[in-house]
Amino acid sequence: MPSSTSNFERPGFVRQTASDRPGVAQPVPERDIPVQPWRRIFLVAILLATTLTASWEYYWRAFGSEAGFRNSDGEWAAQRNRIDHGDGAKTVLAGSSRVLFDMQLPVWQRLSGERPIQLALEGTSSIPVLEDLAADPNFKGRLLVGVAPDLFFGGFAYRADAITYFHKWSPSQRAGDWISAHWVEPYFAFYDTDFALGTVLRRQDWPVRPGMHKEMRVRKLMVQPDLDRNSHMWSKVENDPEYRAIARATWAQHFDGPMPGMETPEQKKAKIDEQIGKAVKAVATLHARGVPVVFVRLPSSGEYYAYEQKYLPRAESWDLLLARTGAPGIHFEDHPELQGYDTPEWSHLSATEATRFSSAFLPIVQREFANAKGLLSAKH
């Protein structure tokens, strides 16, 4: 029986179906392309895309942004790759955003003659990077490990996928990362994850369903002017009171109780023991290879510092880490020259202060590295 569609008398538009022609293959459908002023349409589309892109760029530049590098997984992988291709004896910086913001590579280079490899990852415990380097026999340099108490002892690893990305880094990804880093990022201020249209739409003041609450996500806090991941705080955080208040409120929304999974004393002790246990194993592997490891607790202030002191006091976390790993540590509270710096949103140093802090910090860490290296030499 002919199909119902074949009953419509629309020659050229409705083709017969397989049921109309049993045993006959379906023909390739053909449709004429209507005559249109395609060149004009193409030019209008290009003009529209260019106008919209330029408008978006202008908007974010007016907001205070500027072109820079994205701190992508690819750029982290490029720095991690240096260890396996000739730079395995260099100083490496691991940690979370405080190490990323506060340690200024040009200062290190000026004062020591060496520019470290920056492998810190924001919002992420340094333990995954510590373990990754311990497993890499090519790494034989020196390792500075940042300890942000809530991230380190809580095991939070927002950017840990960067490590997996490095180990599975495909040729096409390498090419894409290179093109992005050299042809796009240095020229466009809007090319930042915080300015993506989807991100902007999500953070609008949409109605919240009953019983739910809207969690503030971390906004843009830093800029990365150098391809080797040298970074510092975005000036807008320091100079714009309204934007700085947003950054502080983002941290403060988590200050009303202990970290997830650490609600009871037993849970907290188990979590701290677990993270320190991972550090002990990794440090032992590095020490066996002759790699000195130094831990550092960088400055925090205000409500963030009060939160850390309340839920992760030094005696229950930092002191245990140093005792069990046998590695030296630099705590900002132990050194007058590491105190009194401006932390606009309680957790990171401003750009100017980071430069000043790095200058004061370098002689201390150089001394600790030398002491650690001497102890390792004596053991072996």
Protein backbone atom coordinates (compact mmCIF):
# COMPACT_ATOMS: atom_id res chain seq x y z
CA MET A 1 0.00 0.00 0.00
CA PRO A 2 1.41 3.43 -0.88
CA SER A 3 2.39 5.49 2.10
CA SER A 4 0.31 8.45 3.15
CA THR A 5 3.06 10.85 2.16
CA SER A 6 2.90 9.71 -1.44
CA ASN A 7 -0.73 10.85 -1.61
CA PHE A 8 0.32 14.48 -1.45
CA GLU A 9 0.68 15.89 -4.92
CA ARG A 10 3.87 17.90 -4.39
CA PRO A 11 6.25 16.82 -7.15
CA GLY A 12 9.85 17.59 -6.38
CA PHE A 13 9.31 17.92 -2.64
CA VAL A 14 7.98 14.60 -1.41
CA ARG A 15 9.84 11.48 -2.42
CA GLN A 16 8.61 7.94 -2.23
CA THR A 17 9.48 5.85 0.78
CA ALA A 18 10.90 2.33 0.89
CA SER A 19 7.38 0.92 1.26
CA ASP A 20 6.46 2.47 -2.09
CA ARG A 21 9.32 0.69 -3.86
CA PRO A 22 10.00 -2.68 -2.27
CA GLY A 23 13.44 -3.99 -3.10
CA VAL A 24 14.64 -0.69 -4.50
CA ALA A 25 17.34 1.29 -2.70
CA GLN A 26 16.52 4.72 -1.37
CA PRO A 27 17.73 7.44 -3.75
CA VAL A 28 19.99 10.19 -2.49
CA PRO A 29 17.72 13.16 -1.82
CA GLU A 30 18.37 16.17 -3.97
CA ARG A 31 17.40 19.74 -3.29
CA ASP A 32 18.16 22.74 -5.36
CA ILE A 33 20.04 25.53 -3.62
CA PRO A 34 18.03 28.69 -4.05
CA VAL A 35 19.67 31.60 -5.75
CA GLN A 36 20.75 34.11 -3.11
CA PRO A 37 23.29 36.92 -2.85
CA TRP A 38 25.69 34.62 -1.03
CA ARG A 39 28.68 36.96 -1.21
CA ARG A 40 26.70 39.74 0.44
CA ILE A 41 25.36 37.36 3.08
CA PHE A 42 28.89 36.16 3.83
CA LEU A 43 30.20 39.71 4.18
CA VAL A 44 27.31 40.67 6.49
CA ALA A 45 27.96 37.57 8.66
CA ILE A 46 31.66 38.43 8.93
CA LEU A 47 30.87 42.04 9.77
CA LEU A 48 28.33 41.01 12.41
CA ALA A 49 30.72 38.48 14.02
CA THR A 50 33.53 41.04 14.06
CA THR A 51 31.30 43.71 15.58
CA LEU A 52 29.99 41.42 18.32
CA THR A 53 33.50 40.16 19.15
CA ALA A 54 34.89 43.69 19.29
CA SER A 55 32.00 44.79 21.50
CA TRP A 56 32.58 41.89 23.91
CA GLU A 57 36.29 42.70 23.99
CA TYR A 58 35.60 46.39 24.64
CA TYR A 59 33.18 45.55 27.45
CA TRP A 60 35.70 43.45 29.37
CA ARG A 61 38.56 45.87 28.82
CA ALA A 62 36.34 48.61 30.22
CA PHE A 63 35.66 46.30 33.17
CA GLY A 64 39.39 46.25 33.89
CA SER A 65 40.64 43.13 32.17
CA GLU A 66 43.63 42.93 29.87
CA ALA A 67 45.08 40.34 27.56
CA GLY A 68 47.15 37.61 29.17
CA PHE A 69 47.58 33.89 29.43
CA ARG A 70 44.77 31.60 30.63
CA ASN A 71 46.46 29.27 33.13
CA SER A 72 45.02 26.35 31.22
CA ASP A 73 45.78 22.66 31.68
CA GLY A 74 47.86 22.89 28.49
CA GLU A 75 50.05 25.66 29.87
CA TRP A 76 50.53 23.73 33.11
CA ALA A 77 51.43 20.64 31.07
CA ALA A 78 53.99 22.63 29.08
CA GLN A 79 55.78 23.58 32.31
CA ARG A 80 55.51 20.07 33.72
CA ASN A 81 56.95 18.76 30.45
CA ARG A 82 60.14 20.74 31.00
CA ILE A 83 61.14 18.40 33.83
CA ASP A 84 61.26 15.47 31.44
CA HIS A 85 63.07 17.42 28.72
CA GLY A 86 66.20 18.95 30.21
CA ASP A 87 65.04 20.87 33.29
CA GLY A 88 64.80 18.01 35.77
CA ALA A 89 67.40 19.60 38.07
CA LYS A 90 65.55 22.91 38.49
CA THR A 91 63.68 24.24 41.51
CA VAL A 92 59.97 23.44 41.25
CA LEU A 93 57.14 25.25 43.02
CA ALA A 94 54.09 23.17 43.95
CA GLY A 95 51.06 24.32 45.88
CA SER A 96 47.75 26.06 45.45
CA SER A 97 46.92 29.64 44.50
CA ARG A 98 48.99 31.24 47.27
CA VAL A 99 52.17 29.82 45.77
CA LEU A 100 50.92 30.78 42.31
CA PHE A 101 50.14 34.38 43.28
CA ASP A 102 52.79 35.10 45.91
CA MET A 103 55.95 33.57 44.44
CA GLN A 104 57.27 35.93 41.76
CA LEU A 105 59.56 34.17 39.30
CA PRO A 106 61.40 37.32 38.11
CA VAL A 107 62.45 38.01 41.71
CA TRP A 108 63.80 34.48 42.07
CA GLN A 109 65.69 34.85 38.82
CA ARG A 110 67.14 38.23 39.76
CA LEU A 111 68.29 37.16 43.23
CA SER A 112 69.34 33.56 42.60
CA GLY A 113 70.08 33.36 38.89
CA GLU A 114 67.45 30.62 38.47
CA ARG A 115 63.84 30.93 37.33
CA PRO A 116 61.83 28.11 38.98
CA ILE A 117 59.22 25.95 37.28
CA GLN A 118 55.79 27.02 38.48
CA LEU A 119 53.47 24.02 38.96
CA ALA A 120 51.06 25.41 41.57
CA LEU A 121 47.36 24.88 40.84
CA GLU A 122 44.66 27.11 42.29
CA GLY A 123 42.06 25.52 44.53
CA THR A 124 44.11 22.34 44.71
CA SER A 125 46.13 20.54 47.35
CA SER A 126 49.81 20.27 46.48
CA ILE A 127 49.80 16.55 47.29
CA PRO A 128 48.80 15.33 43.78
CA VAL A 129 51.71 17.26 42.25
CA LEU A 130 54.01 16.09 45.04
CA GLU A 131 53.07 12.47 44.30
CA ASP A 132 53.44 12.97 40.55
CA LEU A 133 56.95 14.38 40.92
CA ALA A 134 57.92 11.63 43.35
CA ALA A 135 56.97 9.08 40.69
CA ASP A 136 59.10 10.80 38.03
CA PRO A 137 62.78 9.75 38.15
CA ASN A 138 63.65 12.65 35.84
CA PHE A 139 63.01 15.13 38.63
CA LYS A 140 66.19 15.62 40.64
CA GLY A 141 66.03 19.29 41.56
CA ARG A 142 64.53 21.04 44.60
CA LEU A 143 60.89 21.16 45.59
CA LEU A 144 59.01 23.90 47.45
CA VAL A 145 55.57 22.68 48.57
CA GLY A 146 52.90 25.18 49.57
CA VAL A 147 50.48 24.27 52.35
CA ALA A 148 47.11 26.02 52.32
CA PRO A 149 45.63 24.28 55.38
CA ASP A 150 42.05 23.75 54.21
CA LEU A 151 43.09 22.47 50.77
CA PHE A 152 46.15 20.48 51.80
CA PHE A 153 44.73 18.67 54.83
CA GLY A 154 41.24 18.41 53.34
CA GLY A 155 42.54 16.82 50.15
CA PHE A 156 40.60 19.20 47.90
CA ALA A 157 41.91 19.09 44.31
CA TYR A 158 39.90 21.33 41.98
CA ARG A 159 42.59 21.33 39.25
CA ALA A 160 44.01 17.83 39.68
CA ASP A 161 42.87 16.94 36.16
CA ALA A 162 45.79 18.99 34.86
CA ILE A 163 48.10 16.15 35.90
CA THR A 164 46.04 13.61 33.97
CA TYR A 165 45.96 16.02 31.02
CA PHE A 166 49.77 16.14 31.01
CA HIS A 167 50.18 12.37 31.01
CA LYS A 168 47.67 11.99 28.14
CA TRP A 169 48.71 15.12 26.25
CA SER A 170 48.05 14.30 22.60
CA PRO A 171 49.71 15.93 19.57
CA SER A 172 46.43 17.63 18.61
CA GLN A 173 46.06 19.03 22.14
CA ARG A 174 49.64 20.27 22.09
CA ALA A 175 49.02 22.01 18.78
CA GLY A 176 45.77 23.55 20.02
CA ASP A 177 47.39 24.74 23.26
CA TRP A 178 50.29 26.26 21.33
CA ILE A 179 47.99 28.11 18.93
CA SER A 180 45.88 29.41 21.81
CA ALA A 181 48.90 30.55 23.82
CA HIS A 182 50.65 32.30 20.91
CA TRP A 183 47.88 33.55 18.62
CA VAL A 184 44.84 34.18 20.82
CA GLU A 185 45.54 34.69 24.53
CA PRO A 186 48.12 37.51 24.23
CA TYR A 187 45.67 39.66 22.25
CA PHE A 188 42.15 39.21 23.66
CA ALA A 189 41.08 40.31 27.14
CA PHE A 190 37.72 38.50 26.94
CA TYR A 191 39.43 35.14 26.41
CA ASP A 192 39.16 34.16 30.07
CA THR A 193 37.01 31.43 31.60
CA ASP A 194 35.42 33.95 33.98
CA PHE A 195 34.18 36.00 31.02
CA ALA A 196 32.69 33.13 29.02
CA LEU A 197 29.07 33.81 28.13
CA GLY A 198 27.84 30.65 29.87
CA THR A 199 29.69 31.60 33.06
CA VAL A 200 28.31 35.14 32.96
CA LEU A 201 24.76 33.84 32.53
CA ARG A 202 25.10 31.34 35.41
CA ARG A 203 26.11 33.99 37.91
CA GLN A 204 23.16 36.26 37.21
CA ASP A 205 20.66 36.81 40.00
CA TRP A 206 18.25 34.09 38.87
CA PRO A 207 15.40 32.95 41.15
CA VAL A 208 16.38 30.05 43.42
CA ARG A 209 14.02 27.15 43.97
CA PRO A 210 12.66 26.68 47.51
CA GLY A 211 15.02 24.66 49.70
CA MET A 212 18.03 25.43 47.48
CA HIS A 213 20.76 28.03 47.87
CA LYS A 214 22.97 29.67 45.31
CA GLU A 215 26.68 29.13 45.85
CA MET A 216 29.03 31.88 44.75
CA ARG A 217 31.81 30.64 42.50
CA VAL A 218 35.33 32.02 42.68
CA ARG A 219 35.69 34.98 40.31
CA LYS A 220 38.79 36.05 38.40
CA LEU A 221 41.51 36.91 40.93
CA MET A 222 44.78 36.82 39.04
CA VAL A 223 46.54 37.70 35.83
CA GLN A 224 49.25 35.69 34.14
CA PRO A 225 51.48 37.97 32.06
CA ASP A 226 54.13 35.32 31.33
CA LEU A 227 53.80 32.07 29.42
CA ASP A 228 55.80 30.22 32.08
CA ARG A 229 52.88 30.79 34.51
CA ASN A 230 54.38 33.64 36.49
CA SER A 231 51.23 35.16 38.01
CA HIS A 232 50.02 37.85 40.38
CA MET A 233 46.80 39.26 41.80
CA TRP A 234 44.54 41.16 39.42
CA SER A 235 44.64 44.86 40.25
CA LYS A 236 40.82 45.00 40.31
CA VAL A 237 40.78 42.82 43.44
CA GLU A 238 43.11 45.27 45.14
CA ASN A 239 41.68 48.57 43.91
CA ASP A 240 37.94 47.99 43.41
CA PRO A 241 36.19 47.76 46.82
CA GLU A 242 33.02 46.26 45.34
CA TYR A 243 34.88 43.53 43.48
CA ARG A 244 37.10 42.84 46.50
CA ALA A 245 33.95 42.39 48.60
CA ILE A 246 32.73 39.76 46.12
CA ALA A 247 36.01 37.86 46.51
CA ARG A 248 35.80 37.98 50.30
CA ALA A 249 32.15 36.92 50.30
CA THR A 250 33.04 33.93 48.11
CA TRP A 251 35.51 32.69 50.73
CA ALA A 252 33.24 33.58 53.66
CA GLN A 253 30.34 31.42 52.48
CA HIS A 254 32.35 28.40 53.67
CA PHE A 255 33.45 29.82 57.03
CA ASP A 256 30.37 28.82 59.03
CA GLY A 257 31.51 25.29 59.73
CA PRO A 258 34.20 22.65 59.23
CA MET A 259 35.15 21.36 55.82
CA PRO A 260 33.00 18.58 54.29
CA GLY A 261 34.14 15.21 55.52
CA MET A 262 35.75 16.73 58.62
CA GLU A 263 32.63 17.48 60.66
CA THR A 264 33.59 15.36 63.67
CA PRO A 265 36.94 15.16 65.50
CA GLU A 266 37.32 11.56 64.33
CA GLN A 267 36.68 12.47 60.70
CA LYS A 268 39.07 15.39 60.87
CA LYS A 269 41.86 13.31 62.38
CA ALA A 270 41.36 10.56 59.80
CA LYS A 271 41.43 13.04 56.91
CA ILE A 272 44.56 14.80 58.21
CA ASP A 273 46.31 11.46 58.79
CA GLU A 274 45.40 10.36 55.28
CA GLN A 275 46.85 13.45 53.62
CA ILE A 276 49.98 13.49 55.75
CA GLY A 277 50.45 9.79 55.01
CA LYS A 278 50.48 10.57 51.28
CA ALA A 279 52.99 13.36 51.85
CA VAL A 280 55.24 11.12 53.96
CA LYS A 281 55.40 8.49 51.23
CA ALA A 282 56.10 10.99 48.46
CA VAL A 283 58.74 12.90 50.45
CA ALA A 284 60.51 9.64 51.35
CA THR A 285 60.71 8.74 47.65
CA LEU A 286 62.09 12.17 46.77
CA HIS A 287 64.60 12.08 49.62
CA ALA A 288 65.82 8.69 48.45
CA ARG A 289 66.54 10.33 45.09
CA GLY A 290 68.41 13.20 46.78
CA VAL A 291 65.67 15.80 46.22
CA PRO A 292 65.34 18.30 49.10
CA VAL A 293 61.76 19.23 49.97
CA VAL A 294 60.72 22.34 51.89
CA PHE A 295 57.14 23.07 52.95
CA VAL A 296 55.83 26.62 53.21
CA ARG A 297 52.80 28.15 54.89
CA LEU A 298 52.17 31.49 53.18
CA PRO A 299 50.30 34.44 54.75
CA SER A 300 46.56 34.73 55.17
CA SER A 301 44.58 37.24 57.20
CA GLY A 302 41.17 38.36 58.40
CA GLU A 303 38.29 35.94 58.41
CA TYR A 304 40.18 33.41 56.30
CA TYR A 305 42.99 33.21 58.85
CA ALA A 306 40.45 32.95 61.69
CA TYR A 307 38.75 30.06 59.88
CA GLU A 308 42.04 28.22 59.43
CA GLN A 309 43.00 28.74 63.07
CA LYS A 310 39.64 27.49 64.30
CA TYR A 311 39.32 24.31 62.28
CA LEU A 312 42.92 23.44 61.40
CA PRO A 313 45.16 24.79 64.16
CA ARG A 314 48.86 24.54 63.61
CA ALA A 315 49.50 21.88 66.27
CA GLU A 316 46.97 19.51 64.65
CA SER A 317 48.13 19.97 61.07
CA TRP A 318 51.32 21.85 60.14
CA ASP A 319 53.41 20.63 63.07
CA LEU A 320 52.39 17.01 62.43
CA LEU A 321 53.27 17.33 58.74
CA LEU A 322 56.82 18.45 59.46
CA ALA A 323 57.33 15.90 62.22
CA ARG A 324 56.17 12.94 60.13
CA THR A 325 57.81 13.86 56.82
CA GLY A 326 61.10 14.97 58.36
CA ALA A 327 61.16 17.87 55.92
CA PRO A 328 61.81 21.48 56.99
CA GLY A 329 59.08 24.07 56.80
CA ILE A 330 58.76 27.84 56.61
CA HIS A 331 55.73 29.25 58.41
CA PHE A 332 55.12 32.95 57.89
CA GLU A 333 54.36 33.39 61.60
CA ASP A 334 57.89 32.29 62.50
CA HIS A 335 59.65 35.01 60.50
CA PRO A 336 59.08 38.73 61.14
CA GLU A 337 60.21 39.55 57.61
CA LEU A 338 57.31 37.44 56.24
CA GLN A 339 54.62 39.29 58.18
CA GLY A 340 52.73 42.55 57.74
CA TYR A 341 51.91 42.20 54.05
CA ASP A 342 48.66 43.31 52.42
CA THR A 343 46.25 40.49 51.55
CA PRO A 344 43.29 42.34 49.98
CA GLU A 345 40.84 39.42 50.03
CA TRP A 346 42.46 37.66 53.05
CA SER A 347 44.14 34.86 51.10
CA HIS A 348 46.65 36.27 48.58
CA LEU A 349 49.18 39.06 48.43
CA SER A 350 48.67 42.03 46.14
CA ALA A 351 50.98 42.22 43.13
CA THR A 352 53.34 44.78 44.68
CA GLU A 353 53.42 42.97 48.00
CA ALA A 354 54.13 39.65 46.27
CA THR A 355 57.28 41.15 44.76
CA ARG A 356 58.38 42.50 48.11
CA PHE A 357 57.50 39.24 49.86
CA SER A 358 59.44 37.13 47.34
CA SER A 359 62.53 39.24 47.95
CA ALA A 360 62.28 38.64 51.71
CA PHE A 361 61.36 34.98 51.30
CA LEU A 362 64.13 33.86 48.97
CA PRO A 363 67.07 34.03 51.43
CA ILE A 364 65.05 31.99 53.93
CA VAL A 365 64.11 29.24 51.48
CA GLN A 366 67.65 29.11 50.05
CA ARG A 367 68.96 28.52 53.55
CA GLU A 368 66.39 25.79 54.21
CA PHE A 369 67.16 24.07 50.92
CA ALA A 370 70.87 24.09 51.76
CA ASN A 371 70.19 22.61 55.20
CA ALA A 372 67.90 19.97 53.74
CA LYS A 373 70.44 19.06 51.08
CA GLY A 374 73.14 18.75 53.74
CA LEU A 375 71.00 16.37 55.81
CA LEU A 376 70.28 14.22 52.78
CA SER A 377 73.96 14.06 51.89
CA ALA A 378 74.81 12.99 55.43
CA LYS A 379 72.23 10.19 55.28
CA HIS A 380 73.61 8.87 52.04
